[in-house]
Amino acid sequence: MSAKEYDLITMGRSSIDLYANDIGAPFEEITSFAAYVGGSPTNIAVGANRLGLRTGLLTAVGEDKVGDFILAFLRREGVDVGFLPRKPGARSSAVLLGIEPPDRFPLVFYRDNAADMQLTIDDVLAAPLERTRALEVSGTGLSREPSRSATLFAVERAKASGATVFFDLDFRADQWHDPRAFGVCARALLQSVDVALGTEEEINAAMLSDAAQVRITHQQVSAPTIEGDVEANVRALLAAPSGPQALVVKRGAQGASVFLRDGTVTDVPGFPVEVHNVLGAGDAFASGFIYGRLKGWDWYESARMGNACGAIVVTRHGCANFMAFEDEALAFVAGRGGL
């Protein structure tokens, strides 16, 4: 075991997530919501902590009751938030989520003046990045300043201390002034990370240069359809002179594929389950995948663990509050053919 204090620090957005209790109801007919905690890096921190990794979270919340709600949950979970700043004049963010299985999960972000987008270089300097084995950052943190510079600096600082850097592409179109700007920023950051993770849509978005490739419907503002050749885009991203050792494509029920710079491709099957809610599945995958890599597992075993964590959470109502624990995930895998 490494002598470093943390196994993983994640950085980026956090929120109160309000999930519809009216399963199957159109969004405009929802009558009540359940309150949980969310935001991709926050979900990953909680998921990794439940799997037994020593985790910390660098996000920011406002001086408001929503911030109190988020912090209270994270402290109960055992995620270190001792270096998490509160931002006067900014707001902790919120997300409203509908659940219409099997394939409609509309969500609405409330992120105007979001506190986590106010993370600064000084906040990064106050975080113990030299004492972590790994850092995970997300694409939404690149969408505006000062968070963009803080994210780039965090990666630079973590790499200098020998940490492994994971980059979740986390493309949310409505958080960008132009979806093509996401591709520009993502490609710049990819040069400095060790492992990148994304859905097929996010891989295409990372190579986006033509607005005609984007098709956005009323139901897909946060996750539009991005047209492109996924495998060709993966090859293009990995062909850059510098960049990640691996690019992991999350394929939902079909599992995941791990593409390496040497051309090796490892397809890892998923686990068939009855889907209740797909929101948070990718973050659960990331927590399981990072767990495996930090345990010294190979790419297949790590992605298999990620698939298991994703499969478990899609049978449940929310994200962070429903992430799998280590014994539970290992038992799930063992009962379905093992790693």
Protein backbone atom coordinates (compact mmCIF):
# COMPACT_ATOMS: atom_id res chain seq x y z
CA MET A 1 0.00 0.00 0.00
CA SER A 2 1.28 3.45 -0.87
CA ALA A 3 2.43 5.66 1.97
CA LYS A 4 0.42 8.54 0.57
CA GLU A 5 -2.46 9.82 2.68
CA TYR A 6 -5.11 9.61 -0.04
CA ASP A 7 -5.77 7.05 -2.71
CA LEU A 8 -7.92 9.45 -4.72
CA ILE A 9 -8.90 13.11 -4.76
CA THR A 10 -11.63 14.14 -7.17
CA MET A 11 -12.23 17.70 -8.36
CA GLY A 12 -15.22 19.48 -9.86
CA ARG A 13 -18.93 19.92 -9.55
CA SER A 14 -21.26 19.11 -6.67
CA SER A 15 -24.98 19.60 -6.22
CA ILE A 16 -28.17 18.73 -4.48
CA ASP A 17 -29.96 16.26 -6.78
CA LEU A 18 -33.74 16.19 -6.69
CA TYR A 19 -34.94 12.88 -8.15
CA ALA A 20 -38.56 12.39 -9.15
CA ASN A 21 -40.46 10.02 -6.89
CA ASP A 22 -43.06 9.56 -9.64
CA ILE A 23 -41.34 6.85 -11.66
CA GLY A 24 -42.51 6.87 -15.26
CA ALA A 25 -44.32 10.19 -15.02
CA PRO A 26 -43.61 12.87 -17.63
CA PHE A 27 -41.53 15.65 -16.10
CA GLU A 28 -44.41 18.12 -16.12
CA GLU A 29 -46.52 15.70 -14.06
CA ILE A 30 -44.00 15.09 -11.25
CA THR A 31 -45.50 15.71 -7.82
CA SER A 32 -42.53 15.14 -5.49
CA PHE A 33 -38.77 14.68 -5.41
CA ALA A 34 -36.26 12.90 -3.17
CA ALA A 35 -33.19 14.92 -2.19
CA TYR A 36 -29.74 13.35 -2.67
CA VAL A 37 -26.21 14.56 -3.40
CA GLY A 38 -24.68 14.52 -6.88
CA GLY A 39 -22.23 15.96 -9.38
CA SER A 40 -19.89 13.65 -11.27
CA PRO A 41 -16.67 14.09 -9.21
CA THR A 42 -18.73 14.02 -6.01
CA ASN A 43 -20.40 10.77 -7.02
CA ILE A 44 -17.03 9.25 -7.90
CA ALA A 45 -15.52 10.30 -4.56
CA VAL A 46 -18.39 8.70 -2.65
CA GLY A 47 -18.33 5.56 -4.80
CA ALA A 48 -14.58 5.12 -4.43
CA ASN A 49 -14.77 5.72 -0.68
CA ARG A 50 -17.46 3.05 -0.31
CA LEU A 51 -15.16 0.67 -2.15
CA GLY A 52 -12.51 1.24 0.48
CA LEU A 53 -10.31 3.89 -1.11
CA ARG A 54 -9.22 6.85 0.99
CA THR A 55 -10.83 9.77 -0.82
CA GLY A 56 -10.99 13.53 -0.70
CA LEU A 57 -13.08 15.98 -2.71
CA LEU A 58 -12.12 19.40 -4.05
CA THR A 59 -15.33 21.16 -4.95
CA ALA A 60 -16.89 24.35 -3.63
CA VAL A 61 -20.28 25.17 -2.14
CA GLY A 62 -21.98 28.42 -1.29
CA GLU A 63 -22.61 29.78 2.16
CA ASP A 64 -26.15 28.40 2.00
CA LYS A 65 -28.28 25.54 3.33
CA VAL A 66 -27.74 23.49 0.17
CA GLY A 67 -24.02 23.66 0.86
CA ASP A 68 -24.71 22.47 4.42
CA PHE A 69 -26.74 19.57 3.00
CA ILE A 70 -23.93 18.51 0.65
CA LEU A 71 -21.21 18.78 3.29
CA ALA A 72 -23.19 16.90 5.93
CA PHE A 73 -23.69 13.96 3.57
CA LEU A 74 -20.03 13.84 2.54
CA ARG A 75 -18.86 13.92 6.15
CA ARG A 76 -21.21 11.06 7.04
CA GLU A 77 -19.76 9.11 4.13
CA GLY A 78 -16.20 9.68 5.29
CA VAL A 79 -15.06 11.67 2.25
CA ASP A 80 -12.46 14.26 3.31
CA VAL A 81 -13.82 17.76 2.68
CA GLY A 82 -11.36 19.53 4.96
CA PHE A 83 -9.90 21.54 2.07
CA LEU A 84 -13.25 22.28 0.39
CA PRO A 85 -13.89 26.06 0.22
CA ARG A 86 -17.17 27.89 0.65
CA LYS A 87 -17.70 30.75 -1.77
CA PRO A 88 -19.46 33.91 -0.53
CA GLY A 89 -21.84 35.33 -3.12
CA ALA A 90 -22.05 32.04 -5.08
CA ARG A 91 -24.66 29.31 -4.85
CA SER A 92 -24.43 25.58 -4.33
CA SER A 93 -25.93 24.10 -7.47
CA ALA A 94 -28.99 21.93 -7.97
CA VAL A 95 -30.23 19.40 -10.52
CA LEU A 96 -33.79 18.19 -11.08
CA LEU A 97 -34.14 14.73 -12.59
CA GLY A 98 -37.05 12.85 -14.09
CA ILE A 99 -37.18 9.05 -14.30
CA GLU A 100 -39.05 7.54 -17.25
CA PRO A 101 -37.58 4.07 -17.83
CA PRO A 102 -36.30 2.55 -19.98
CA ASP A 103 -34.75 5.41 -21.96
CA ARG A 104 -36.01 8.84 -20.85
CA PHE A 105 -34.24 10.50 -17.94
CA PRO A 106 -34.62 14.27 -18.44
CA LEU A 107 -32.60 16.56 -16.20
CA VAL A 108 -32.45 20.30 -15.60
CA PHE A 109 -29.35 22.02 -14.20
CA TYR A 110 -29.48 25.08 -11.94
CA ARG A 111 -25.88 26.26 -12.14
CA ASP A 112 -26.00 30.03 -12.64
CA ASN A 113 -23.27 31.43 -10.39
CA ALA A 114 -22.37 27.88 -9.28
CA ALA A 115 -19.91 27.84 -6.39
CA ASP A 116 -17.91 24.92 -7.80
CA MET A 117 -17.12 26.95 -10.91
CA GLN A 118 -15.44 29.49 -8.62
CA LEU A 119 -12.61 27.11 -7.68
CA THR A 120 -9.30 28.95 -8.07
CA ILE A 121 -5.60 28.24 -8.32
CA ASP A 122 -5.34 29.23 -4.65
CA ASP A 123 -7.91 26.54 -3.78
CA VAL A 124 -5.77 24.00 -5.62
CA LEU A 125 -2.69 25.16 -3.72
CA ALA A 126 -4.58 24.58 -0.45
CA ALA A 127 -5.48 20.99 -1.44
CA PRO A 128 -3.11 18.11 -0.57
CA LEU A 129 -2.50 16.97 -4.15
CA GLU A 130 1.07 15.99 -3.37
CA ARG A 131 -0.32 13.44 -0.90
CA THR A 132 -2.64 11.51 -3.23
CA ARG A 133 -1.99 8.50 -5.46
CA ALA A 134 -4.54 9.68 -8.02
CA LEU A 135 -6.50 12.74 -9.11
CA GLU A 136 -9.77 12.67 -11.06
CA VAL A 137 -11.04 15.77 -12.88
CA SER A 138 -14.05 16.36 -15.11
CA GLY A 139 -14.84 18.21 -18.29
CA THR A 140 -17.45 20.55 -16.87
CA GLY A 141 -14.72 22.15 -14.78
CA LEU A 142 -13.16 23.40 -18.02
CA SER A 143 -16.28 25.24 -19.19
CA ARG A 144 -15.39 28.64 -17.69
CA GLU A 145 -12.94 30.55 -15.54
CA PRO A 146 -11.64 30.46 -12.86
CA SER A 147 -12.43 26.73 -12.69
CA ARG A 148 -10.71 26.06 -16.03
CA SER A 149 -7.33 27.35 -14.89
CA ALA A 150 -7.73 25.68 -11.51
CA THR A 151 -8.40 22.32 -13.18
CA LEU A 152 -5.41 22.63 -15.49
CA PHE A 153 -3.20 23.61 -12.57
CA ALA A 154 -4.48 20.72 -10.43
CA VAL A 155 -3.52 18.25 -13.17
CA GLU A 156 -0.11 19.88 -13.55
CA ARG A 157 0.50 19.75 -9.80
CA ALA A 158 -0.71 16.17 -9.40
CA LYS A 159 1.47 14.95 -12.26
CA ALA A 160 4.49 16.67 -10.76
CA SER A 161 3.99 14.70 -7.54
CA GLY A 162 3.70 11.38 -9.37
CA ALA A 163 -0.07 10.93 -9.12
CA THR A 164 -2.08 9.11 -11.80
CA VAL A 165 -4.55 11.52 -13.42
CA PHE A 166 -7.98 10.31 -14.56
CA PHE A 167 -10.10 12.60 -16.77
CA ASP A 168 -13.85 12.00 -17.03
CA LEU A 169 -14.97 13.87 -20.16
CA ASP A 170 -18.31 14.77 -18.48
CA PHE A 171 -19.73 16.71 -21.43
CA ARG A 172 -22.81 18.77 -20.57
CA ALA A 173 -23.67 20.85 -23.64
CA ASP A 174 -25.73 23.45 -21.80
CA GLN A 175 -22.73 24.33 -19.62
CA TRP A 176 -20.74 25.56 -22.64
CA HIS A 177 -21.19 28.71 -24.72
CA ASP A 178 -20.37 26.58 -27.78
CA PRO A 179 -20.16 22.74 -27.75
CA ARG A 180 -17.10 22.95 -30.00
CA ALA A 181 -15.29 24.75 -27.17
CA PHE A 182 -15.58 21.57 -25.14
CA GLY A 183 -13.56 19.71 -27.77
CA VAL A 184 -10.87 22.38 -27.83
CA CYS A 185 -10.47 22.29 -24.02
CA ALA A 186 -10.75 18.51 -23.74
CA ARG A 187 -8.07 17.91 -26.36
CA ALA A 188 -5.77 20.36 -24.57
CA LEU A 189 -6.20 18.61 -21.23
CA LEU A 190 -5.91 15.12 -22.72
CA GLN A 191 -2.23 15.83 -23.42
CA SER A 192 -1.57 15.82 -19.66
CA VAL A 193 -3.68 12.95 -18.29
CA ASP A 194 -3.01 9.25 -17.89
CA VAL A 195 -6.48 7.76 -18.43
CA ALA A 196 -9.59 9.32 -19.98
CA LEU A 197 -13.14 8.01 -19.67
CA GLY A 198 -16.22 8.94 -21.66
CA THR A 199 -19.37 7.77 -23.37
CA GLU A 200 -19.55 7.42 -27.14
CA GLU A 201 -21.24 10.85 -27.32
CA GLU A 202 -18.49 12.38 -25.20
CA ILE A 203 -15.74 10.88 -27.36
CA ASN A 204 -17.38 12.40 -30.42
CA ALA A 205 -17.76 15.72 -28.60
CA ALA A 206 -14.05 15.73 -27.78
CA MET A 207 -13.33 15.72 -31.51
CA LEU A 208 -16.14 18.11 -32.41
CA SER A 209 -15.29 20.86 -34.90
CA ASP A 210 -18.46 21.26 -36.97
CA ALA A 211 -21.71 22.49 -35.44
CA ALA A 212 -23.58 20.38 -37.99
CA GLN A 213 -22.48 17.30 -36.05
CA VAL A 214 -24.63 18.36 -33.07
CA ARG A 215 -28.30 17.47 -32.92
CA ILE A 216 -30.06 18.80 -29.83
CA THR A 217 -33.70 18.08 -29.05
CA HIS A 218 -35.82 19.54 -26.26
CA GLN A 219 -35.17 16.39 -24.21
CA GLN A 220 -31.41 16.32 -24.81
CA VAL A 221 -30.12 19.77 -23.96
CA SER A 222 -27.55 18.41 -21.49
CA ALA A 223 -26.69 15.30 -23.51
CA PRO A 224 -27.27 16.01 -27.22
CA THR A 225 -26.64 13.57 -30.00
CA ILE A 226 -23.12 14.12 -31.33
CA GLU A 227 -22.61 12.42 -34.66
CA GLY A 228 -19.28 10.84 -35.52
CA ASP A 229 -17.24 7.69 -35.93
CA VAL A 230 -16.45 6.76 -32.32
CA GLU A 231 -13.57 4.39 -33.02
CA ALA A 232 -11.99 6.76 -35.54
CA ASN A 233 -12.22 9.56 -32.99
CA VAL A 234 -10.66 7.34 -30.32
CA ARG A 235 -7.77 6.57 -32.66
CA ALA A 236 -7.33 10.26 -33.45
CA LEU A 237 -7.23 11.21 -29.78
CA LEU A 238 -4.72 8.49 -28.97
CA ALA A 239 -2.56 9.33 -31.99
CA ALA A 240 -1.61 12.73 -30.58
CA PRO A 241 2.10 13.03 -29.73
CA SER A 242 1.27 13.17 -26.03
CA GLY A 243 -1.82 12.05 -24.24
CA PRO A 244 -3.46 9.34 -22.18
CA GLN A 245 -2.17 5.81 -21.95
CA ALA A 246 -5.74 4.58 -22.22
CA LEU A 247 -9.12 5.86 -23.36
CA VAL A 248 -12.08 4.05 -21.86
CA VAL A 249 -15.38 4.13 -23.73
CA LYS A 250 -18.39 3.54 -21.48
CA ARG A 251 -21.08 1.73 -23.48
CA GLY A 252 -23.87 1.32 -20.92
CA ALA A 253 -25.53 -2.10 -21.01
CA GLN A 254 -22.93 -3.26 -23.55
CA GLY A 255 -20.14 -2.75 -21.00
CA ALA A 256 -16.96 -0.86 -21.84
CA SER A 257 -14.01 -0.85 -24.23
CA VAL A 258 -10.46 0.07 -23.25
CA PHE A 259 -8.31 1.48 -26.05
CA LEU A 260 -4.55 1.72 -25.48
CA ARG A 261 -2.02 3.88 -27.30
CA ASP A 262 -0.34 0.77 -28.72
CA GLY A 263 -3.54 -0.13 -30.59
CA THR A 264 -4.74 -2.81 -28.17
CA VAL A 265 -8.52 -2.87 -27.61
CA THR A 266 -10.12 -4.72 -24.71
CA ASP A 267 -13.89 -5.17 -24.83
CA VAL A 268 -15.39 -5.85 -21.42
CA PRO A 269 -18.99 -7.16 -21.24
CA GLY A 270 -21.56 -5.57 -18.98
CA PHE A 271 -23.96 -7.22 -16.55
CA PRO A 272 -27.61 -7.56 -17.55
CA VAL A 273 -29.89 -6.04 -14.92
CA GLU A 274 -33.33 -4.48 -14.81
CA VAL A 275 -32.78 -0.73 -15.22
CA HIS A 276 -34.51 1.62 -12.80
CA ASN A 277 -32.49 4.79 -13.45
CA VAL A 278 -29.35 5.19 -15.59
CA LEU A 279 -28.29 8.53 -14.09
CA GLY A 280 -25.05 8.04 -12.18
CA ALA A 281 -24.09 4.81 -13.92
CA GLY A 282 -21.04 6.35 -15.55
CA ASP A 283 -19.81 7.76 -12.24
CA ALA A 284 -20.30 4.41 -10.55
CA PHE A 285 -18.31 2.83 -13.39
CA ALA A 286 -15.50 5.34 -12.85
CA SER A 287 -15.34 4.63 -9.12
CA GLY A 288 -15.08 0.88 -9.74
CA PHE A 289 -12.61 1.27 -12.58
CA ILE A 290 -10.31 3.58 -10.60
CA TYR A 291 -10.57 1.22 -7.62
CA GLY A 292 -9.32 -1.63 -9.81
CA ARG A 293 -6.44 0.34 -11.29
CA LEU A 294 -5.29 1.52 -7.86
CA LYS A 295 -5.44 -2.09 -6.65
CA GLY A 296 -3.04 -3.02 -9.44
CA TRP A 297 -5.65 -4.86 -11.53
CA ASP A 298 -5.36 -5.07 -15.30
CA TRP A 299 -7.57 -3.14 -17.71
CA TYR A 300 -10.11 -5.95 -18.12
CA GLU A 301 -10.51 -6.59 -14.40
CA SER A 302 -10.79 -2.89 -13.64
CA ALA A 303 -13.44 -2.30 -16.30
CA ARG A 304 -15.30 -5.40 -15.13
CA MET A 305 -15.44 -3.90 -11.63
CA GLY A 306 -16.58 -0.62 -13.14
CA ASN A 307 -19.34 -2.39 -15.05
CA ALA A 308 -20.47 -4.09 -11.85
CA CYS A 309 -20.68 -0.82 -9.93
CA GLY A 310 -22.61 0.74 -12.80
CA ALA A 311 -24.99 -2.22 -13.00
CA ILE A 312 -25.71 -2.01 -9.28
CA VAL A 313 -26.51 1.70 -9.26
CA VAL A 314 -28.88 1.58 -12.27
CA THR A 315 -31.20 -0.64 -10.23
CA ARG A 316 -31.58 2.17 -7.66
CA HIS A 317 -33.13 5.60 -7.35
CA GLY A 318 -30.17 8.00 -7.23
CA CYS A 319 -26.41 8.46 -7.60
CA ALA A 320 -24.05 9.15 -4.70
CA ASN A 321 -26.43 7.91 -2.02
CA PHE A 322 -26.76 4.54 -3.75
CA MET A 323 -23.19 3.69 -4.75
CA ALA A 324 -22.08 0.11 -4.06
CA PHE A 325 -19.88 -0.91 -1.13
CA GLU A 326 -16.79 -3.03 -1.70
CA ASP A 327 -18.15 -6.33 -0.35
CA GLU A 328 -21.38 -5.85 -2.27
CA ALA A 329 -19.63 -5.13 -5.58
CA LEU A 330 -17.19 -8.01 -5.21
CA ALA A 331 -20.05 -10.39 -4.36
CA PHE A 332 -22.02 -9.15 -7.37
CA VAL A 333 -19.08 -9.91 -9.68
CA ALA A 334 -18.33 -13.25 -8.05
CA GLY A 335 -21.94 -14.36 -8.54
CA ARG A 336 -21.79 -13.52 -12.24
CA GLY A 337 -18.65 -15.22 -13.44
CA GLY A 338 -16.02 -13.22 -11.54
CA LEU A 339 -13.51 -10.78 -12.93
